[in-house]
């Protein structure tokens, strides 16, 4: 199933002003299927020091796109660990 589900989370995250100079990173996450998945990944990534916001474009049966706004570029290992702690895996490309 390649169904795309819009949870309205992007609009909520976009309404929060980001600090000047914020770094935006996109990652792909596999295995996410519902709002609970989105909350889990968002909560884990949000716990990384310097993260200002997380937005998820959930794509059931495909690679979900996660956009992270932070003060500085994040260590890839920290992001991977946060995603894995939530129970999911990073994809090679956030297509």
N, C-alpha and C. Protein backbone atom coordinates (compact mmCIF):
# COMPACT_ATOMS: atom_id res chain seq x y z
N UNK A 1 0.84 -1.17 0.00
CA UNK A 1 0.00 0.00 0.00
C UNK A 1 0.89 1.24 0.00
N UNK A 2 0.68 2.14 -0.93
CA UNK A 2 1.42 3.39 -1.01
C UNK A 2 0.51 4.57 -0.72
N UNK A 3 -0.33 4.42 0.28
CA UNK A 3 -1.28 5.45 0.65
C UNK A 3 -0.58 6.54 1.47
N UNK A 4 -0.83 7.80 1.11
CA UNK A 4 -0.25 8.92 1.84
C UNK A 4 -1.31 9.48 2.77
N UNK A 5 -0.97 9.62 4.04
CA UNK A 5 -1.92 10.12 5.02
C UNK A 5 -1.43 11.47 5.52
N UNK A 6 -2.27 12.49 5.40
CA UNK A 6 -1.94 13.83 5.87
C UNK A 6 -2.52 14.01 7.25
N UNK A 7 -1.66 14.14 8.25
CA UNK A 7 -2.11 14.31 9.62
C UNK A 7 -2.17 15.77 10.04
N UNK A 8 -1.82 16.68 9.14
CA UNK A 8 -1.86 18.10 9.48
C UNK A 8 -0.72 18.54 10.36
N UNK A 9 0.27 17.70 10.55
CA UNK A 9 1.37 18.04 11.45
C UNK A 9 2.32 19.05 10.82
N UNK A 10 2.44 19.04 9.52
CA UNK A 10 3.34 19.98 8.85
C UNK A 10 2.89 21.42 9.10
N UNK A 11 1.58 21.68 9.02
CA UNK A 11 1.08 23.02 9.23
C UNK A 11 1.36 23.50 10.65
N UNK A 12 1.18 22.61 11.62
CA UNK A 12 1.42 22.98 13.01
C UNK A 12 2.89 23.33 13.23
N UNK A 13 3.78 22.53 12.67
CA UNK A 13 5.21 22.79 12.85
C UNK A 13 5.63 24.05 12.12
N UNK A 14 5.04 24.31 10.96
CA UNK A 14 5.41 25.48 10.19
C UNK A 14 4.98 26.78 10.86
N UNK A 15 3.97 26.72 11.74
CA UNK A 15 3.50 27.94 12.40
C UNK A 15 4.42 28.39 13.52
N UNK A 16 5.31 27.52 13.97
CA UNK A 16 6.25 27.88 15.02
C UNK A 16 7.45 28.55 14.39
N UNK A 17 7.73 29.81 14.78
CA UNK A 17 8.86 30.50 14.17
C UNK A 17 10.19 29.83 14.56
N UNK A 18 11.06 29.67 13.57
CA UNK A 18 12.37 29.09 13.82
C UNK A 18 13.37 30.20 14.08
N UNK A 19 14.35 29.93 14.90
CA UNK A 19 15.38 30.94 15.14
C UNK A 19 16.16 31.24 13.85
N UNK A 20 16.66 32.43 13.74
CA UNK A 20 17.46 32.79 12.59
C UNK A 20 18.66 31.86 12.50
N UNK A 21 18.94 31.39 11.30
CA UNK A 21 20.08 30.51 11.09
C UNK A 21 19.79 29.04 11.39
N UNK A 22 18.54 28.70 11.62
CA UNK A 22 18.19 27.30 11.91
C UNK A 22 18.60 26.41 10.73
N UNK A 23 19.06 25.22 11.04
CA UNK A 23 19.46 24.23 10.04
C UNK A 23 18.29 23.28 9.81
N UNK A 24 17.94 23.07 8.56
CA UNK A 24 16.85 22.15 8.21
C UNK A 24 17.46 20.90 7.57
N UNK A 25 17.12 19.75 8.12
CA UNK A 25 17.60 18.48 7.59
C UNK A 25 16.40 17.59 7.29
N UNK A 26 16.47 16.82 6.22
CA UNK A 26 15.44 15.85 5.89
C UNK A 26 16.02 14.45 5.93
N UNK A 27 15.24 13.55 6.53
CA UNK A 27 15.64 12.14 6.57
C UNK A 27 14.44 11.30 6.12
N UNK A 28 14.70 10.10 5.67
CA UNK A 28 13.66 9.15 5.34
C UNK A 28 13.59 8.10 6.43
N UNK A 29 12.37 7.74 6.80
CA UNK A 29 12.16 6.73 7.84
C UNK A 29 11.21 5.67 7.29
N UNK A 30 11.56 4.41 7.49
CA UNK A 30 10.73 3.30 7.02
C UNK A 30 9.94 2.69 8.17
N UNK A 31 8.80 2.10 7.82
CA UNK A 31 8.02 1.34 8.79
C UNK A 31 6.93 2.10 9.51
N UNK A 32 6.80 3.39 9.25
CA UNK A 32 5.77 4.18 9.94
C UNK A 32 4.43 4.00 9.23
N UNK A 33 3.34 3.79 10.03
CA UNK A 33 2.04 3.52 9.44
C UNK A 33 0.89 4.35 10.02
N UNK A 34 1.13 5.08 11.11
CA UNK A 34 0.00 5.73 11.78
C UNK A 34 0.44 6.94 12.60
N UNK A 35 -0.53 7.61 13.21
CA UNK A 35 -0.25 8.79 14.03
C UNK A 35 0.63 8.44 15.23
N UNK A 36 0.46 7.26 15.78
CA UNK A 36 1.32 6.84 16.90
C UNK A 36 2.78 6.76 16.46
N UNK A 37 3.01 6.24 15.27
CA UNK A 37 4.37 6.18 14.73
C UNK A 37 4.96 7.58 14.61
N UNK A 38 4.17 8.50 14.10
CA UNK A 38 4.61 9.89 13.93
C UNK A 38 4.98 10.48 15.28
N UNK A 39 4.12 10.28 16.29
CA UNK A 39 4.39 10.81 17.64
C UNK A 39 5.67 10.22 18.21
N UNK A 40 5.86 8.93 18.05
CA UNK A 40 7.05 8.27 18.60
C UNK A 40 8.32 8.83 18.01
N UNK A 41 8.37 8.93 16.68
CA UNK A 41 9.56 9.45 16.02
C UNK A 41 9.77 10.92 16.38
N UNK A 42 8.69 11.70 16.38
CA UNK A 42 8.78 13.12 16.71
C UNK A 42 9.31 13.32 18.12
N UNK A 43 8.79 12.57 19.08
CA UNK A 43 9.23 12.69 20.47
C UNK A 43 10.70 12.34 20.63
N UNK A 44 11.13 11.24 20.03
CA UNK A 44 12.53 10.82 20.18
C UNK A 44 13.49 11.83 19.55
N UNK A 45 13.18 12.30 18.34
CA UNK A 45 14.08 13.26 17.69
C UNK A 45 14.07 14.59 18.43
N UNK A 46 12.91 14.97 18.96
CA UNK A 46 12.80 16.25 19.68
C UNK A 46 13.66 16.28 20.94
N UNK A 47 14.01 15.12 21.46
CA UNK A 47 14.85 15.05 22.66
C UNK A 47 16.32 15.31 22.37
N UNK A 48 16.72 15.32 21.12
CA UNK A 48 18.12 15.62 20.77
C UNK A 48 18.37 17.10 21.06
N UNK A 49 19.46 17.39 21.74
CA UNK A 49 19.81 18.77 22.09
C UNK A 49 19.91 19.63 20.83
N UNK A 50 19.28 20.80 20.88
CA UNK A 50 19.35 21.74 19.77
C UNK A 50 18.23 21.63 18.76
N UNK A 51 17.37 20.61 18.88
CA UNK A 51 16.26 20.45 17.94
C UNK A 51 15.15 21.42 18.31
N UNK A 52 14.69 22.19 17.32
CA UNK A 52 13.61 23.16 17.53
C UNK A 52 12.27 22.67 17.03
N UNK A 53 12.27 21.75 16.07
CA UNK A 53 11.01 21.26 15.54
C UNK A 53 11.20 20.06 14.66
N UNK A 54 10.15 19.24 14.60
CA UNK A 54 10.15 18.03 13.77
C UNK A 54 8.82 17.98 13.04
N UNK A 55 8.87 17.75 11.74
CA UNK A 55 7.66 17.63 10.92
C UNK A 55 7.74 16.31 10.16
N UNK A 56 6.63 15.57 10.13
CA UNK A 56 6.61 14.26 9.47
C UNK A 56 5.58 14.25 8.36
N UNK A 57 6.01 13.80 7.19
CA UNK A 57 5.12 13.55 6.05
C UNK A 57 4.98 12.03 5.99
N UNK A 58 3.91 11.51 6.62
CA UNK A 58 3.70 10.07 6.72
C UNK A 58 3.27 9.50 5.37
N UNK A 59 3.98 8.47 4.94
CA UNK A 59 3.66 7.77 3.69
C UNK A 59 3.59 6.28 3.99
N UNK A 60 2.38 5.81 4.22
CA UNK A 60 2.17 4.41 4.57
C UNK A 60 2.62 3.51 3.43
N UNK A 61 3.43 2.51 3.76
CA UNK A 61 3.92 1.57 2.76
C UNK A 61 5.07 2.11 1.95
N UNK A 62 5.59 3.26 2.32
CA UNK A 62 6.68 3.89 1.59
C UNK A 62 7.62 4.54 2.61
N UNK A 63 8.52 5.34 2.15
CA UNK A 63 9.45 6.05 3.04
C UNK A 63 8.80 7.37 3.47
N UNK A 64 8.63 7.53 4.77
CA UNK A 64 8.09 8.79 5.31
C UNK A 64 9.21 9.81 5.38
N UNK A 65 8.87 11.06 5.09
CA UNK A 65 9.86 12.14 5.12
C UNK A 65 9.75 12.87 6.44
N UNK A 66 10.89 12.99 7.14
CA UNK A 66 10.95 13.68 8.42
C UNK A 66 11.86 14.89 8.25
N UNK A 67 11.33 16.06 8.56
CA UNK A 67 12.08 17.30 8.46
C UNK A 67 12.41 17.77 9.88
N UNK A 68 13.69 18.05 10.10
CA UNK A 68 14.16 18.44 11.43
C UNK A 68 14.77 19.83 11.36
N UNK A 69 14.34 20.72 12.25
CA UNK A 69 14.93 22.05 12.36
C UNK A 69 15.75 22.08 13.64
N UNK A 70 17.01 22.51 13.53
CA UNK A 70 17.88 22.52 14.70
C UNK A 70 18.83 23.72 14.65
N UNK A 71 19.49 23.95 15.77
CA UNK A 71 20.44 25.07 15.88
C UNK A 71 21.65 24.87 14.98
N UNK A 72 22.14 23.64 14.94
CA UNK A 72 23.33 23.28 14.16
C UNK A 72 23.05 21.93 13.49
N UNK A 73 23.85 21.55 12.50
CA UNK A 73 23.67 20.22 11.90
C UNK A 73 23.76 19.14 12.98
N UNK A 74 22.88 18.16 12.89
CA UNK A 74 22.85 17.10 13.89
C UNK A 74 23.77 15.94 13.51
N UNK A 75 24.32 15.32 14.52
CA UNK A 75 25.15 14.14 14.33
C UNK A 75 24.25 13.02 13.79
N UNK A 76 24.62 12.44 12.68
CA UNK A 76 23.81 11.40 12.03
C UNK A 76 23.56 10.21 12.97
N UNK A 77 24.54 9.88 13.80
CA UNK A 77 24.38 8.75 14.72
C UNK A 77 23.30 9.05 15.77
N UNK A 78 23.22 10.30 16.22
CA UNK A 78 22.18 10.67 17.20
C UNK A 78 20.80 10.55 16.58
N UNK A 79 20.67 11.00 15.34
CA UNK A 79 19.38 10.92 14.65
C UNK A 79 19.00 9.46 14.43
N UNK A 80 19.94 8.67 13.95
CA UNK A 80 19.69 7.23 13.73
C UNK A 80 19.26 6.56 15.03
N UNK A 81 19.98 6.84 16.12
CA UNK A 81 19.65 6.24 17.42
C UNK A 81 18.25 6.63 17.88
N UNK A 82 17.86 7.90 17.66
CA UNK A 82 16.54 8.36 18.06
C UNK A 82 15.45 7.65 17.26
N UNK A 83 15.66 7.51 15.96
CA UNK A 83 14.69 6.82 15.11
C UNK A 83 14.59 5.36 15.51
N UNK A 84 15.70 4.72 15.77
CA UNK A 84 15.70 3.32 16.17
C UNK A 84 15.08 3.14 17.55
N UNK A 85 15.29 4.08 18.44
CA UNK A 85 14.68 4.03 19.78
C UNK A 85 13.15 4.07 19.67
N UNK A 86 12.66 4.80 18.66
CA UNK A 86 11.21 4.87 18.42
C UNK A 86 10.69 3.58 17.77
N UNK A 87 11.60 2.74 17.28
CA UNK A 87 11.20 1.47 16.69
C UNK A 87 11.20 1.42 15.18
N UNK A 88 11.89 2.36 14.54
CA UNK A 88 11.89 2.45 13.08
C UNK A 88 13.32 2.51 12.57
N UNK A 89 13.47 2.63 11.25
CA UNK A 89 14.80 2.63 10.65
C UNK A 89 14.92 3.77 9.66
N UNK A 90 16.13 4.29 9.53
CA UNK A 90 16.41 5.30 8.51
C UNK A 90 16.43 4.64 7.14
N UNK A 91 15.93 5.36 6.15
CA UNK A 91 16.00 4.91 4.78
C UNK A 91 17.20 5.59 4.12
N UNK A 92 17.65 5.03 3.03
CA UNK A 92 18.79 5.61 2.32
C UNK A 92 18.45 6.96 1.71
N UNK A 93 17.19 7.14 1.29
CA UNK A 93 16.80 8.37 0.61
C UNK A 93 15.36 8.72 0.97
N UNK A 94 15.06 9.98 1.39
CA UNK A 94 13.69 10.34 1.77
C UNK A 94 12.80 10.62 0.57
N UNK A 95 12.71 9.69 -0.37
CA UNK A 95 11.93 9.89 -1.59
C UNK A 95 10.52 10.04 -1.32
